[in-house]
């Protein structure tokens, strides 16, 4: 992304959500680390998304875990925020700081695996064992 698009793409909606205008996605401003104060495995990530749907967070009931392709849209090396350890993560400062430095995606269909995006460096991992993950997650919805 160019710097102009990076700086203007993400908009804080003032209701706990951030919209990516370039991609037609609405993200929760906080992640599971901000909200739950702990790392989560895949089941806990799915439960977190379900909880956001059930409470109709920001008035919506279609919150879900992002796909790998959607996670790519949140990372931008030109953007800076800080994680819970005070280290740089490359997401918009429209998102809450002090969250996790990783994001868990939807489970890969037919596999006991998922994608994890490290938002410090933009690298993806594809770890074995959904139940042994210790990551953070962020929920999204299409607009």
C-alpha atoms as a PDB file:
ATOM      1  CA  UNK A   1       0.000   0.000   0.000  1.00  0.00           C
ATOM      2  CA  UNK A   2       1.145   3.530  -0.614  1.00  0.00           C
ATOM      3  CA  UNK A   3       1.609   5.785   2.406  1.00  0.00           C
ATOM      4  CA  UNK A   4      -1.501   7.843   1.545  1.00  0.00           C
ATOM      5  CA  UNK A   5      -3.704   4.760   1.395  1.00  0.00           C
ATOM      6  CA  UNK A   6      -2.117   3.320   4.556  1.00  0.00           C
ATOM      7  CA  UNK A   7      -2.755   6.456   6.586  1.00  0.00           C
ATOM      8  CA  UNK A   8      -6.326   6.978   5.387  1.00  0.00           C
ATOM      9  CA  UNK A   9      -7.588   3.418   4.958  1.00  0.00           C
ATOM     10  CA  UNK A  10      -8.526   2.661   8.557  1.00  0.00           C
ATOM     11  CA  UNK A  11     -11.262   4.722  10.214  1.00  0.00           C
ATOM     12  CA  UNK A  12     -12.218   4.549  13.890  1.00  0.00           C
ATOM     13  CA  UNK A  13     -16.019   4.384  13.878  1.00  0.00           C
ATOM     14  CA  UNK A  14     -16.290   5.510  17.500  1.00  0.00           C
ATOM     15  CA  UNK A  15     -18.224   2.384  18.520  1.00  0.00           C
ATOM     16  CA  UNK A  16     -15.372  -0.025  19.229  1.00  0.00           C
ATOM     17  CA  UNK A  17     -14.866  -0.838  15.551  1.00  0.00           C
ATOM     18  CA  UNK A  18     -12.438   0.183  12.814  1.00  0.00           C
ATOM     19  CA  UNK A  19     -13.369   0.123   9.125  1.00  0.00           C
ATOM     20  CA  UNK A  20     -10.942  -0.694   6.333  1.00  0.00           C
ATOM     21  CA  UNK A  21     -12.362   1.415   3.526  1.00  0.00           C
ATOM     22  CA  UNK A  22     -10.089  -0.129   0.907  1.00  0.00           C
ATOM     23  CA  UNK A  23     -11.227  -3.689   1.669  1.00  0.00           C
ATOM     24  CA  UNK A  24     -14.836  -3.368   2.835  1.00  0.00           C
ATOM     25  CA  UNK A  25     -14.107  -4.888   6.226  1.00  0.00           C
ATOM     26  CA  UNK A  26     -15.023  -3.832   9.742  1.00  0.00           C
ATOM     27  CA  UNK A  27     -12.695  -4.983  12.522  1.00  0.00           C
ATOM     28  CA  UNK A  28     -13.144  -4.949  16.263  1.00  0.00           C
ATOM     29  CA  UNK A  29     -10.860  -2.179  17.594  1.00  0.00           C
ATOM     30  CA  UNK A  30      -9.534  -4.492  20.326  1.00  0.00           C
ATOM     31  CA  UNK A  31      -8.289  -8.057  20.109  1.00  0.00           C
ATOM     32  CA  UNK A  32      -8.653 -11.058  22.405  1.00  0.00           C
ATOM     33  CA  UNK A  33      -5.565 -10.048  24.398  1.00  0.00           C
ATOM     34  CA  UNK A  34      -7.059  -6.606  25.105  1.00  0.00           C
ATOM     35  CA  UNK A  35     -10.422  -8.103  26.057  1.00  0.00           C
ATOM     36  CA  UNK A  36      -9.567 -11.409  27.760  1.00  0.00           C
ATOM     37  CA  UNK A  37      -6.073 -10.571  29.087  1.00  0.00           C
ATOM     38  CA  UNK A  38      -4.696 -13.946  28.010  1.00  0.00           C
ATOM     39  CA  UNK A  39      -3.413 -15.910  25.027  1.00  0.00           C
ATOM     40  CA  UNK A  40      -5.992 -18.109  23.334  1.00  0.00           C
ATOM     41  CA  UNK A  41      -6.008 -21.404  21.457  1.00  0.00           C
ATOM     42  CA  UNK A  42      -8.166 -22.010  18.399  1.00  0.00           C
ATOM     43  CA  UNK A  43     -11.274 -23.084  20.337  1.00  0.00           C
ATOM     44  CA  UNK A  44     -11.003 -20.014  22.571  1.00  0.00           C
ATOM     45  CA  UNK A  45     -10.601 -17.873  19.433  1.00  0.00           C
ATOM     46  CA  UNK A  46     -13.786 -19.342  17.975  1.00  0.00           C
ATOM     47  CA  UNK A  47     -15.538 -18.830  21.333  1.00  0.00           C
ATOM     48  CA  UNK A  48     -14.382 -15.198  21.376  1.00  0.00           C
ATOM     49  CA  UNK A  49     -15.901 -14.622  17.916  1.00  0.00           C
ATOM     50  CA  UNK A  50     -19.124 -16.378  18.945  1.00  0.00           C
ATOM     51  CA  UNK A  51     -19.323 -14.212  22.076  1.00  0.00           C
ATOM     52  CA  UNK A  52     -19.053 -11.063  19.952  1.00  0.00           C
ATOM     53  CA  UNK A  53     -21.900 -12.341  17.745  1.00  0.00           C
ATOM     54  CA  UNK A  54     -24.084 -13.297  20.704  1.00  0.00           C
ATOM     55  CA  UNK A  55     -23.739  -9.929  22.405  1.00  0.00           C
ATOM     56  CA  UNK A  56     -24.232  -8.178  19.044  1.00  0.00           C
ATOM     57  CA  UNK A  57     -21.083  -6.147  19.544  1.00  0.00           C
ATOM     58  CA  UNK A  58     -21.500  -2.642  18.044  1.00  0.00           C
ATOM     59  CA  UNK A  59     -24.966  -3.732  16.871  1.00  0.00           C
ATOM     60  CA  UNK A  60     -23.787  -6.571  14.580  1.00  0.00           C
ATOM     61  CA  UNK A  61     -24.176 -10.318  14.873  1.00  0.00           C
ATOM     62  CA  UNK A  62     -21.950 -11.490  12.018  1.00  0.00           C
ATOM     63  CA  UNK A  63     -18.512 -11.262  13.685  1.00  0.00           C
ATOM     64  CA  UNK A  64     -16.118 -14.062  12.732  1.00  0.00           C
ATOM     65  CA  UNK A  65     -12.481 -15.007  12.628  1.00  0.00           C
ATOM     66  CA  UNK A  66     -10.725 -13.605   9.558  1.00  0.00           C
ATOM     67  CA  UNK A  67      -9.500 -15.616   6.597  1.00  0.00           C
ATOM     68  CA  UNK A  68      -5.807 -15.618   5.760  1.00  0.00           C
ATOM     69  CA  UNK A  69      -6.533 -13.222   2.894  1.00  0.00           C
ATOM     70  CA  UNK A  70      -8.368 -10.819   5.199  1.00  0.00           C
ATOM     71  CA  UNK A  71      -5.556 -10.871   7.755  1.00  0.00           C
ATOM     72  CA  UNK A  72      -3.129  -9.695   5.071  1.00  0.00           C
ATOM     73  CA  UNK A  73      -5.161  -6.488   4.695  1.00  0.00           C
ATOM     74  CA  UNK A  74      -4.615  -5.384   8.300  1.00  0.00           C
ATOM     75  CA  UNK A  75      -0.806  -5.626   8.173  1.00  0.00           C
ATOM     76  CA  UNK A  76       1.162  -2.757   6.653  1.00  0.00           C
ATOM     77  CA  UNK A  77       4.874  -2.221   7.285  1.00  0.00           C
ATOM     78  CA  UNK A  78       4.281   1.562   6.994  1.00  0.00           C
ATOM     79  CA  UNK A  79       1.916   1.575   9.985  1.00  0.00           C
ATOM     80  CA  UNK A  80       2.911   1.429  13.642  1.00  0.00           C
ATOM     81  CA  UNK A  81       1.144   0.543  16.844  1.00  0.00           C
ATOM     82  CA  UNK A  82       2.421  -1.228  19.982  1.00  0.00           C
ATOM     83  CA  UNK A  83       1.655  -4.632  21.437  1.00  0.00           C
ATOM     84  CA  UNK A  84       1.285  -5.571  25.108  1.00  0.00           C
ATOM     85  CA  UNK A  85       5.070  -5.651  25.478  1.00  0.00           C
ATOM     86  CA  UNK A  86       5.559  -2.170  24.001  1.00  0.00           C
ATOM     87  CA  UNK A  87       7.043  -3.601  20.791  1.00  0.00           C
ATOM     88  CA  UNK A  88       6.090  -2.336  17.346  1.00  0.00           C
ATOM     89  CA  UNK A  89       3.298  -4.075  15.482  1.00  0.00           C
ATOM     90  CA  UNK A  90       2.425  -3.014  11.955  1.00  0.00           C
ATOM     91  CA  UNK A  91      -1.263  -2.227  12.131  1.00  0.00           C
ATOM     92  CA  UNK A  92      -3.040   1.119  12.145  1.00  0.00           C
ATOM     93  CA  UNK A  93      -2.986   3.256  15.271  1.00  0.00           C
ATOM     94  CA  UNK A  94      -6.778   3.374  14.905  1.00  0.00           C
ATOM     95  CA  UNK A  95      -6.711  -0.042  16.615  1.00  0.00           C
ATOM     96  CA  UNK A  96      -6.247  -0.295  20.377  1.00  0.00           C
ATOM     97  CA  UNK A  97      -2.652  -0.643  21.547  1.00  0.00           C
ATOM     98  CA  UNK A  98      -1.384  -3.196  24.097  1.00  0.00           C
ATOM     99  CA  UNK A  99      -2.967  -6.173  22.333  1.00  0.00           C
ATOM    100  CA  UNK A 100      -1.314  -9.315  21.056  1.00  0.00           C
ATOM    101  CA  UNK A 101       1.287  -9.518  18.304  1.00  0.00           C
ATOM    102  CA  UNK A 102      -0.421 -12.316  16.389  1.00  0.00           C
ATOM    103  CA  UNK A 103      -3.757 -13.122  14.801  1.00  0.00           C
ATOM    104  CA  UNK A 104      -5.455 -16.480  14.313  1.00  0.00           C
ATOM    105  CA  UNK A 105      -7.419 -17.150  11.113  1.00  0.00           C
ATOM    106  CA  UNK A 106     -10.315 -19.461  10.410  1.00  0.00           C
ATOM    107  CA  UNK A 107      -9.473 -23.149  10.503  1.00  0.00           C
ATOM    108  CA  UNK A 108      -8.212 -24.518   7.205  1.00  0.00           C
ATOM    109  CA  UNK A 109     -11.063 -26.597   5.784  1.00  0.00           C
ATOM    110  CA  UNK A 110     -10.640 -30.301   6.453  1.00  0.00           C
ATOM    111  CA  UNK A 111      -7.427 -29.802   8.444  1.00  0.00           C
ATOM    112  CA  UNK A 112      -6.521 -29.491  12.108  1.00  0.00           C
ATOM    113  CA  UNK A 113      -4.540 -26.360  11.263  1.00  0.00           C
ATOM    114  CA  UNK A 114      -4.988 -22.652  10.891  1.00  0.00           C
ATOM    115  CA  UNK A 115      -2.943 -19.682   9.750  1.00  0.00           C
ATOM    116  CA  UNK A 116      -1.345 -17.330  12.266  1.00  0.00           C
ATOM    117  CA  UNK A 117      -0.111 -13.874  11.222  1.00  0.00           C
ATOM    118  CA  UNK A 118       2.675 -12.250  13.234  1.00  0.00           C
ATOM    119  CA  UNK A 119       1.836  -8.537  13.019  1.00  0.00           C
ATOM    120  CA  UNK A 120       5.345  -7.560  14.104  1.00  0.00           C
ATOM    121  CA  UNK A 121       6.936  -8.863  10.910  1.00  0.00           C
ATOM    122  CA  UNK A 122       4.106  -9.935   8.585  1.00  0.00           C
ATOM    123  CA  UNK A 123       5.144 -13.581   8.590  1.00  0.00           C
ATOM    124  CA  UNK A 124       2.586 -16.373   8.462  1.00  0.00           C
ATOM    125  CA  UNK A 125       2.920 -19.691  10.254  1.00  0.00           C
ATOM    126  CA  UNK A 126       0.764 -22.750   9.786  1.00  0.00           C
ATOM    127  CA  UNK A 127       1.175 -24.568  13.116  1.00  0.00           C
ATOM    128  CA  UNK A 128      -0.006 -28.069  13.922  1.00  0.00           C
ATOM    129  CA  UNK A 129      -2.400 -28.486  16.794  1.00  0.00           C
ATOM    130  CA  UNK A 130      -5.274 -26.036  17.016  1.00  0.00           C
ATOM    131  CA  UNK A 131      -5.654 -26.677  20.727  1.00  0.00           C
ATOM    132  CA  UNK A 132      -2.033 -25.943  21.642  1.00  0.00           C
ATOM    133  CA  UNK A 133      -1.877 -22.506  20.021  1.00  0.00           C
ATOM    134  CA  UNK A 134      -1.110 -19.586  22.298  1.00  0.00           C
ATOM    135  CA  UNK A 135      -1.952 -16.540  20.226  1.00  0.00           C
ATOM    136  CA  UNK A 136      -4.324 -13.586  20.086  1.00  0.00           C
ATOM    137  CA  UNK A 137      -7.159 -13.112  17.662  1.00  0.00           C
ATOM    138  CA  UNK A 138      -9.178 -10.274  16.198  1.00  0.00           C
ATOM    139  CA  UNK A 139     -12.695 -10.495  14.774  1.00  0.00           C
ATOM    140  CA  UNK A 140     -13.961  -9.051  11.512  1.00  0.00           C
ATOM    141  CA  UNK A 141     -17.137  -8.666   9.489  1.00  0.00           C
ATOM    142  CA  UNK A 142     -17.796  -7.762   5.868  1.00  0.00           C
ATOM    143  CA  UNK A 143     -19.534  -4.466   5.120  1.00  0.00           C
END
